[in-house]
């Protein structure tokens, strides 16, 4: 279950990074 939490954190950070990159690109 610990691995699942880590996966969620990574996905969340990746999504945030993508959003920031997209916003900065615009």
Protein backbone atom coordinates (compact mmCIF):
# COMPACT_ATOMS: atom_id res chain seq x y z
CA UNK A 1 0.00 0.00 0.00
CA UNK A 2 3.03 2.23 0.58
CA UNK A 3 4.01 1.85 -3.08
CA UNK A 4 0.53 2.95 -4.13
CA UNK A 5 0.87 6.16 -2.10
CA UNK A 6 4.27 6.86 -3.66
CA UNK A 7 2.80 6.35 -7.14
CA UNK A 8 0.03 8.84 -6.37
CA UNK A 9 2.57 11.41 -5.17
CA UNK A 10 4.70 10.96 -8.31
CA UNK A 11 1.66 11.21 -10.58
CA UNK A 12 0.49 14.33 -8.72
CA UNK A 13 3.90 16.01 -9.02
CA UNK A 14 4.11 15.05 -12.70
CA UNK A 15 0.64 16.47 -13.36
CA UNK A 16 1.54 19.70 -11.53
CA UNK A 17 4.81 19.98 -13.46
CA UNK A 18 2.97 19.46 -16.75
CA UNK A 19 0.39 22.09 -15.83
CA UNK A 20 3.10 24.61 -14.91
CA UNK A 21 5.02 23.88 -18.12
CA UNK A 22 1.89 24.31 -20.21
CA UNK A 23 0.95 27.53 -18.44
CA UNK A 24 4.49 28.88 -18.85
CA UNK A 25 4.49 27.90 -22.53
CA UNK A 26 1.32 29.92 -23.07
